[in-house]
PDB file of N, CA and C in Angstrom:
ATOM      1  N   UNK A   1      84.321  97.745  68.867  1.00  0.00           N
ATOM      2  CA  UNK A   1      85.012  97.045  69.935  1.00  0.00           C
ATOM      3  C   UNK A   1      84.037  96.733  71.056  1.00  0.00           C
ATOM      4  N   UNK A   2      84.426  95.795  71.870  1.00  0.00           N
ATOM      5  CA  UNK A   2      83.570  95.292  72.930  1.00  0.00           C
ATOM      6  C   UNK A   2      83.399  96.309  74.052  1.00  0.00           C
ATOM      7  N   UNK A   3      82.259  96.215  74.717  1.00  0.00           N
ATOM      8  CA  UNK A   3      81.985  97.055  75.876  1.00  0.00           C
ATOM      9  C   UNK A   3      82.573  96.450  77.149  1.00  0.00           C
ATOM     10  N   UNK A   4      82.999  95.195  77.070  1.00  0.00           N
ATOM     11  CA  UNK A   4      83.557  94.505  78.234  1.00  0.00           C
ATOM     12  C   UNK A   4      85.004  94.946  78.427  1.00  0.00           C
ATOM     13  N   UNK A   5      85.368  95.238  79.677  1.00  0.00           N
ATOM     14  CA  UNK A   5      86.756  95.587  79.970  1.00  0.00           C
ATOM     15  C   UNK A   5      87.635  94.373  79.699  1.00  0.00           C
ATOM     16  N   UNK A   6      88.826  94.606  79.156  1.00  0.00           N
ATOM     17  CA  UNK A   6      89.721  93.518  78.781  1.00  0.00           C
ATOM     18  C   UNK A   6      89.986  92.587  79.962  1.00  0.00           C
ATOM     19  N   UNK A   7      90.208  93.131  81.146  1.00  0.00           N
ATOM     20  CA  UNK A   7      90.533  92.298  82.312  1.00  0.00           C
ATOM     21  C   UNK A   7      89.372  91.417  82.749  1.00  0.00           C
ATOM     22  N   UNK A   8      88.162  91.688  82.253  1.00  0.00           N
ATOM     23  CA  UNK A   8      86.990  90.886  82.601  1.00  0.00           C
ATOM     24  C   UNK A   8      86.632  89.865  81.519  1.00  0.00           C
ATOM     25  N   UNK A   9      87.386  89.849  80.428  1.00  0.00           N
ATOM     26  CA  UNK A   9      87.071  88.967  79.306  1.00  0.00           C
ATOM     27  C   UNK A   9      87.552  87.546  79.540  1.00  0.00           C
ATOM     28  N   UNK A  10      86.793  86.612  78.997  1.00  0.00           N
ATOM     29  CA  UNK A  10      87.245  85.229  78.956  1.00  0.00           C
ATOM     30  C   UNK A  10      88.305  85.129  77.859  1.00  0.00           C
ATOM     31  N   UNK A  11      88.987  83.998  77.807  1.00  0.00           N
ATOM     32  CA  UNK A  11      89.974  83.790  76.744  1.00  0.00           C
ATOM     33  C   UNK A  11      89.294  83.918  75.380  1.00  0.00           C
ATOM     34  N   UNK A  12      88.146  83.287  75.230  1.00  0.00           N
ATOM     35  CA  UNK A  12      87.449  83.268  73.950  1.00  0.00           C
ATOM     36  C   UNK A  12      87.022  84.668  73.517  1.00  0.00           C
ATOM     37  N   UNK A  13      86.518  85.452  74.463  1.00  0.00           N
ATOM     38  CA  UNK A  13      86.115  86.819  74.140  1.00  0.00           C
ATOM     39  C   UNK A  13      87.315  87.651  73.693  1.00  0.00           C
ATOM     40  N   UNK A  14      88.405  87.549  74.434  1.00  0.00           N
ATOM     41  CA  UNK A  14      89.604  88.322  74.102  1.00  0.00           C
ATOM     42  C   UNK A  14      90.168  87.894  72.751  1.00  0.00           C
ATOM     43  N   UNK A  15      90.190  86.596  72.486  1.00  0.00           N
ATOM     44  CA  UNK A  15      90.729  86.101  71.213  1.00  0.00           C
ATOM     45  C   UNK A  15      89.868  86.568  70.041  1.00  0.00           C
ATOM     46  N   UNK A  16      88.559  86.514  70.198  1.00  0.00           N
ATOM     47  CA  UNK A  16      87.657  86.955  69.129  1.00  0.00           C
ATOM     48  C   UNK A  16      87.880  88.427  68.810  1.00  0.00           C
ATOM     49  N   UNK A  17      87.956  89.245  69.848  1.00  0.00           N
ATOM     50  CA  UNK A  17      88.165  90.677  69.611  1.00  0.00           C
ATOM     51  C   UNK A  17      89.553  90.936  69.042  1.00  0.00           C
ATOM     52  N   UNK A  18      90.553  90.208  69.514  1.00  0.00           N
ATOM     53  CA  UNK A  18      91.911  90.372  68.996  1.00  0.00           C
ATOM     54  C   UNK A  18      91.948  90.065  67.495  1.00  0.00           C
ATOM     55  N   UNK A  19      91.253  89.025  67.080  1.00  0.00           N
ATOM     56  CA  UNK A  19      91.192  88.683  65.660  1.00  0.00           C
ATOM     57  C   UNK A  19      90.565  89.818  64.848  1.00  0.00           C
ATOM     58  N   UNK A  20      89.536  90.451  65.387  1.00  0.00           N
ATOM     59  CA  UNK A  20      88.898  91.576  64.702  1.00  0.00           C
ATOM     60  C   UNK A  20      89.858  92.760  64.593  1.00  0.00           C
ATOM     61  N   UNK A  21      90.571  93.043  65.682  1.00  0.00           N
ATOM     62  CA  UNK A  21      91.527  94.152  65.695  1.00  0.00           C
ATOM     63  C   UNK A  21      92.626  93.914  64.661  1.00  0.00           C
ATOM     64  N   UNK A  22      93.171  92.713  64.652  1.00  0.00           N
ATOM     65  CA  UNK A  22      94.234  92.383  63.697  1.00  0.00           C
ATOM     66  C   UNK A  22      93.712  92.532  62.267  1.00  0.00           C
ATOM     67  N   UNK A  23      92.497  92.071  62.032  1.00  0.00           N
ATOM     68  CA  UNK A  23      91.908  92.199  60.702  1.00  0.00           C
ATOM     69  C   UNK A  23      91.794  93.646  60.257  1.00  0.00           C
ATOM     70  N   UNK A  24      91.342  94.505  61.150  1.00  0.00           N
ATOM     71  CA  UNK A  24      91.223  95.925  60.818  1.00  0.00           C
ATOM     72  C   UNK A  24      92.598  96.531  60.523  1.00  0.00           C
ATOM     73  N   UNK A  25      93.574  96.192  61.340  1.00  0.00           N
ATOM     74  CA  UNK A  25      94.914  96.734  61.127  1.00  0.00           C
ATOM     75  C   UNK A  25      95.524  96.220  59.826  1.00  0.00           C
ATOM     76  N   UNK A  26      95.290  94.961  59.509  1.00  0.00           N
ATOM     77  CA  UNK A  26      95.834  94.393  58.278  1.00  0.00           C
ATOM     78  C   UNK A  26      95.208  95.018  57.034  1.00  0.00           C
ATOM     79  N   UNK A  27      93.923  95.330  57.098  1.00  0.00           N
ATOM     80  CA  UNK A  27      93.258  95.957  55.954  1.00  0.00           C
ATOM     81  C   UNK A  27      93.790  97.368  55.726  1.00  0.00           C
ATOM     82  N   UNK A  28      94.182  98.015  56.801  1.00  0.00           N
ATOM     83  CA  UNK A  28      94.740  99.361  56.681  1.00  0.00           C
ATOM     84  C   UNK A  28      93.737 100.411  56.277  1.00  0.00           C
ATOM     85  N   UNK A  29      92.475 100.171  56.559  1.00  0.00           N
ATOM     86  CA  UNK A  29      91.439 101.117  56.139  1.00  0.00           C
ATOM     87  C   UNK A  29      90.962 102.026  57.275  1.00  0.00           C
ATOM     88  N   UNK A  30      91.818 102.191  58.292  1.00  0.00           N
ATOM     89  CA  UNK A  30      91.478 103.090  59.394  1.00  0.00           C
ATOM     90  C   UNK A  30      92.521 104.200  59.470  1.00  0.00           C
ATOM     91  N   UNK A  31      92.105 105.334  59.990  1.00  0.00           N
ATOM     92  CA  UNK A  31      92.995 106.483  60.116  1.00  0.00           C
ATOM     93  C   UNK A  31      94.123 106.184  61.104  1.00  0.00           C
ATOM     94  N   UNK A  32      95.169 106.956  61.030  1.00  0.00           N
ATOM     95  CA  UNK A  32      96.353 106.752  61.864  1.00  0.00           C
ATOM     96  C   UNK A  32      96.012 106.724  63.351  1.00  0.00           C
ATOM     97  N   UNK A  33      95.261 107.686  63.831  1.00  0.00           N
ATOM     98  CA  UNK A  33      94.919 107.732  65.257  1.00  0.00           C
ATOM     99  C   UNK A  33      94.126 106.504  65.676  1.00  0.00           C
ATOM    100  N   UNK A  34      93.211 106.090  64.835  1.00  0.00           N
ATOM    101  CA  UNK A  34      92.422 104.889  65.136  1.00  0.00           C
ATOM    102  C   UNK A  34      93.316 103.656  65.107  1.00  0.00           C
ATOM    103  N   UNK A  35      94.268 103.612  64.194  1.00  0.00           N
ATOM    104  CA  UNK A  35      95.223 102.495  64.135  1.00  0.00           C
ATOM    105  C   UNK A  35      96.016 102.388  65.425  1.00  0.00           C
ATOM    106  N   UNK A  36      96.419 103.517  65.958  1.00  0.00           N
ATOM    107  CA  UNK A  36      97.175 103.521  67.216  1.00  0.00           C
ATOM    108  C   UNK A  36      96.309 102.977  68.351  1.00  0.00           C
ATOM    109  N   UNK A  37      95.059 103.422  68.414  1.00  0.00           N
ATOM    110  CA  UNK A  37      94.139 102.930  69.447  1.00  0.00           C
ATOM    111  C   UNK A  37      93.905 101.425  69.297  1.00  0.00           C
ATOM    112  N   UNK A  38      93.734 100.981  68.059  1.00  0.00           N
ATOM    113  CA  UNK A  38      93.537  99.552  67.815  1.00  0.00           C
ATOM    114  C   UNK A  38      94.765  98.749  68.229  1.00  0.00           C
ATOM    115  N   UNK A  39      95.942  99.260  67.912  1.00  0.00           N
ATOM    116  CA  UNK A  39      97.181  98.568  68.280  1.00  0.00           C
ATOM    117  C   UNK A  39      97.301  98.447  69.796  1.00  0.00           C
ATOM    118  N   UNK A  40      96.991  99.530  70.508  1.00  0.00           N
ATOM    119  CA  UNK A  40      97.045  99.505  71.978  1.00  0.00           C
ATOM    120  C   UNK A  40      96.032  98.505  72.534  1.00  0.00           C
ATOM    121  N   UNK A  41      94.834  98.503  71.994  1.00  0.00           N
ATOM    122  CA  UNK A  41      93.799  97.552  72.437  1.00  0.00           C
ATOM    123  C   UNK A  41      94.250  96.123  72.141  1.00  0.00           C
ATOM    124  N   UNK A  42      94.825  95.929  70.965  1.00  0.00           N
ATOM    125  CA  UNK A  42      95.329  94.611  70.595  1.00  0.00           C
ATOM    126  C   UNK A  42      96.398  94.114  71.543  1.00  0.00           C
ATOM    127  N   UNK A  43      97.273  95.006  71.983  1.00  0.00           N
ATOM    128  CA  UNK A  43      98.324  94.613  72.932  1.00  0.00           C
ATOM    129  C   UNK A  43      97.714  94.166  74.256  1.00  0.00           C
ATOM    130  N   UNK A  44      96.686  94.864  74.712  1.00  0.00           N
ATOM    131  CA  UNK A  44      95.997  94.475  75.954  1.00  0.00           C
ATOM    132  C   UNK A  44      95.293  93.126  75.789  1.00  0.00           C
ATOM    133  N   UNK A  45      94.661  92.937  74.651  1.00  0.00           N
ATOM    134  CA  UNK A  45      93.961  91.678  74.384  1.00  0.00           C
ATOM    135  C   UNK A  45      94.941  90.514  74.308  1.00  0.00           C
ATOM    136  N   UNK A  46      96.077  90.729  73.673  1.00  0.00           N
ATOM    137  CA  UNK A  46      97.112  89.689  73.575  1.00  0.00           C
ATOM    138  C   UNK A  46      97.593  89.295  74.964  1.00  0.00           C
ATOM    139  N   UNK A  47      97.828  90.295  75.806  1.00  0.00           N
ATOM    140  CA  UNK A  47      98.283  90.013  77.169  1.00  0.00           C
ATOM    141  C   UNK A  47      97.215  89.227  77.941  1.00  0.00           C
ATOM    142  N   UNK A  48      95.952  89.567  77.768  1.00  0.00           N
ATOM    143  CA  UNK A  48      94.864  88.858  78.447  1.00  0.00           C
ATOM    144  C   UNK A  48      94.821  87.396  78.005  1.00  0.00           C
ATOM    145  N   UNK A  49      94.964  87.153  76.697  1.00  0.00           N
ATOM    146  CA  UNK A  49      94.975  85.785  76.187  1.00  0.00           C
ATOM    147  C   UNK A  49      96.139  84.998  76.777  1.00  0.00           C
ATOM    148  N   UNK A  50      97.314  85.615  76.829  1.00  0.00           N
ATOM    149  CA  UNK A  50      98.482  84.943  77.393  1.00  0.00           C
ATOM    150  C   UNK A  50      98.267  84.607  78.869  1.00  0.00           C
ATOM    151  N   UNK A  51      97.666  85.526  79.615  1.00  0.00           N
ATOM    152  CA  UNK A  51      97.397  85.310  81.032  1.00  0.00           C
ATOM    153  C   UNK A  51      96.429  84.144  81.225  1.00  0.00           C
ATOM    154  N   UNK A  52      95.344  84.130  80.449  1.00  0.00           N
ATOM    155  CA  UNK A  52      94.357  83.055  80.588  1.00  0.00           C
ATOM    156  C   UNK A  52      94.956  81.707  80.179  1.00  0.00           C
ATOM    157  N   UNK A  53      95.809  81.674  79.167  1.00  0.00           N
ATOM    158  CA  UNK A  53      96.466  80.424  78.773  1.00  0.00           C
ATOM    159  C   UNK A  53      97.394  79.931  79.871  1.00  0.00           C
ATOM    160  N   UNK A  54      98.124  80.848  80.488  1.00  0.00           N
ATOM    161  CA  UNK A  54      99.033  80.472  81.578  1.00  0.00           C
ATOM    162  C   UNK A  54      98.247  79.895  82.748  1.00  0.00           C
ATOM    163  N   UNK A  55      97.124  80.516  83.075  1.00  0.00           N
ATOM    164  CA  UNK A  55      96.274  79.995  84.153  1.00  0.00           C
ATOM    165  C   UNK A  55      95.805  78.576  83.827  1.00  0.00           C
ATOM    166  N   UNK A  56      95.403  78.348  82.588  1.00  0.00           N
ATOM    167  CA  UNK A  56      94.944  77.019  82.188  1.00  0.00           C
ATOM    168  C   UNK A  56      96.081  76.003  82.267  1.00  0.00           C
ATOM    169  N   UNK A  57      97.275  76.388  81.820  1.00  0.00           N
ATOM    170  CA  UNK A  57      98.431  75.488  81.889  1.00  0.00           C
ATOM    171  C   UNK A  57      98.744  75.111  83.334  1.00  0.00           C
ATOM    172  N   UNK A  58      98.639  76.081  84.244  1.00  0.00           N
ATOM    173  CA  UNK A  58      98.905  75.815  85.658  1.00  0.00           C
ATOM    174  C   UNK A  58      97.871  74.847  86.233  1.00  0.00           C
ATOM    175  N   UNK A  59      96.624  74.993  85.830  1.00  0.00           N
ATOM    176  CA  UNK A  59      95.582  74.079  86.309  1.00  0.00           C
ATOM    177  C   UNK A  59      95.821  72.662  85.795  1.00  0.00           C
ATOM    178  N   UNK A  60      96.194  72.545  84.524  1.00  0.00           N
ATOM    179  CA  UNK A  60      96.471  71.229  83.955  1.00  0.00           C
ATOM    180  C   UNK A  60      97.686  70.611  84.639  1.00  0.00           C
ATOM    181  N   UNK A  61      98.704  71.413  84.886  1.00  0.00           N
ATOM    182  CA  UNK A  61      99.914  70.913  85.541  1.00  0.00           C
ATOM    183  C   UNK A  61      99.630  70.449  86.962  1.00  0.00           C
ATOM    184  N   UNK A  62      98.567  70.950  87.576  1.00  0.00           N
ATOM    185  CA  UNK A  62      98.237  70.595  88.951  1.00  0.00           C
ATOM    186  C   UNK A  62      97.507  69.261  89.048  1.00  0.00           C
ATOM    187  N   UNK A  63      97.089  68.708  87.936  1.00  0.00           N
ATOM    188  CA  UNK A  63      96.387  67.425  87.960  1.00  0.00           C
ATOM    189  C   UNK A  63      97.404  66.313  88.218  1.00  0.00           C
ATOM    190  N   UNK A  64      97.147  65.510  89.239  1.00  0.00           N
ATOM    191  CA  UNK A  64      98.044  64.394  89.543  1.00  0.00           C
ATOM    192  C   UNK A  64      97.471  63.108  88.990  1.00  0.00           C
ATOM    193  N   UNK A  65      98.357  62.191  88.641  1.00  0.00           N
ATOM    194  CA  UNK A  65      97.944  60.896  88.105  1.00  0.00           C
ATOM    195  C   UNK A  65      98.355  59.791  89.066  1.00  0.00           C
ATOM    196  N   UNK A  66      97.538  58.743  89.119  1.00  0.00           N
ATOM    197  CA  UNK A  66      97.908  57.600  89.947  1.00  0.00           C
ATOM    198  C   UNK A  66      98.865  56.699  89.165  1.00  0.00           C
ATOM    199  N   UNK A  67      99.236  55.570  89.747  1.00  0.00           N
ATOM    200  CA  UNK A  67     100.213  54.684  89.119  1.00  0.00           C
ATOM    201  C   UNK A  67      99.726  54.099  87.788  1.00  0.00           C
ATOM    202  N   UNK A  68      98.406  54.111  87.571  1.00  0.00           N
ATOM    203  CA  UNK A  68      97.844  53.615  86.315  1.00  0.00           C
ATOM    204  C   UNK A  68      97.660  54.732  85.284  1.00  0.00           C
ATOM    205  N   UNK A  69      98.029  55.948  85.653  1.00  0.00           N
ATOM    206  CA  UNK A  69      97.889  57.070  84.736  1.00  0.00           C
ATOM    207  C   UNK A  69      96.528  57.726  84.745  1.00  0.00           C
ATOM    208  N   UNK A  70      95.707  57.382  85.727  1.00  0.00           N
ATOM    209  CA  UNK A  70      94.379  57.975  85.834  1.00  0.00           C
ATOM    210  C   UNK A  70      94.430  59.211  86.725  1.00  0.00           C
ATOM    211  N   UNK A  71      93.616  60.230  86.409  1.00  0.00           N
ATOM    212  CA  UNK A  71      93.591  61.412  87.266  1.00  0.00           C
ATOM    213  C   UNK A  71      93.245  61.024  88.706  1.00  0.00           C
ATOM    214  N   UNK A  72      94.052  61.495  89.647  1.00  0.00           N
ATOM    215  CA  UNK A  72      93.844  61.133  91.043  1.00  0.00           C
ATOM    216  C   UNK A  72      93.528  62.335  91.917  1.00  0.00           C
ATOM    217  N   UNK A  73      93.439  63.473  91.347  1.00  0.00           N
ATOM    218  CA  UNK A  73      93.164  64.671  92.130  1.00  0.00           C
ATOM    219  C   UNK A  73      94.054  65.800  91.686  1.00  0.00           C
ATOM    220  N   UNK A  74      94.137  66.780  92.535  1.00  0.00           N
ATOM    221  CA  UNK A  74      94.926  67.970  92.232  1.00  0.00           C
ATOM    222  C   UNK A  74      96.028  68.115  93.260  1.00  0.00           C
ATOM    223  N   UNK A  75      97.186  68.537  92.814  1.00  0.00           N
ATOM    224  CA  UNK A  75      98.233  68.890  93.756  1.00  0.00           C
ATOM    225  C   UNK A  75      98.142  70.395  93.988  1.00  0.00           C
ATOM    226  N   UNK A  76      98.556  70.875  95.120  1.00  0.00           N
ATOM    227  CA  UNK A  76      98.493  72.312  95.381  1.00  0.00           C
ATOM    228  C   UNK A  76      99.347  73.082  94.373  1.00  0.00           C
ATOM    229  N   UNK A  77      98.817  74.201  93.909  1.00  0.00           N
ATOM    230  CA  UNK A  77      99.556  75.055  93.000  1.00  0.00           C
ATOM    231  C   UNK A  77     100.116  76.218  93.825  1.00  0.00           C
ATOM    232  N   UNK A  78     101.411  76.418  93.733  1.00  0.00           N
ATOM    233  CA  UNK A  78     102.046  77.490  94.493  1.00  0.00           C
ATOM    234  C   UNK A  78     101.501  78.847  94.058  1.00  0.00           C
ATOM    235  N   UNK A  79     101.269  79.719  95.006  1.00  0.00           N
ATOM    236  CA  UNK A  79     100.839  81.063  94.731  1.00  0.00           C
ATOM    237  C   UNK A  79      99.343  81.223  94.516  1.00  0.00           C
ATOM    238  N   UNK A  80      98.594  80.131  94.569  1.00  0.00           N
ATOM    239  CA  UNK A  80      97.142  80.258  94.391  1.00  0.00           C
ATOM    240  C   UNK A  80      96.417  80.033  95.669  1.00  0.00           C
TER     241      UNK A  80
END
């Protein structure tokens, strides 16, 4: 597993590690205690991916278009 704390990971880093965790769990070749640790890590990684996707969606939603449909700037995003 990665040395980077989950909360410091980019979306890509978290997704890559999550894929590895899922692969290990699917193979079933780890002991019960290790499976539990992997499952917990996977849950944290999944949450991180969801958070980063939500942030990206909010940024995209903040892009305003002019009357011709061209990007015209950003509208303020509430809470940021």
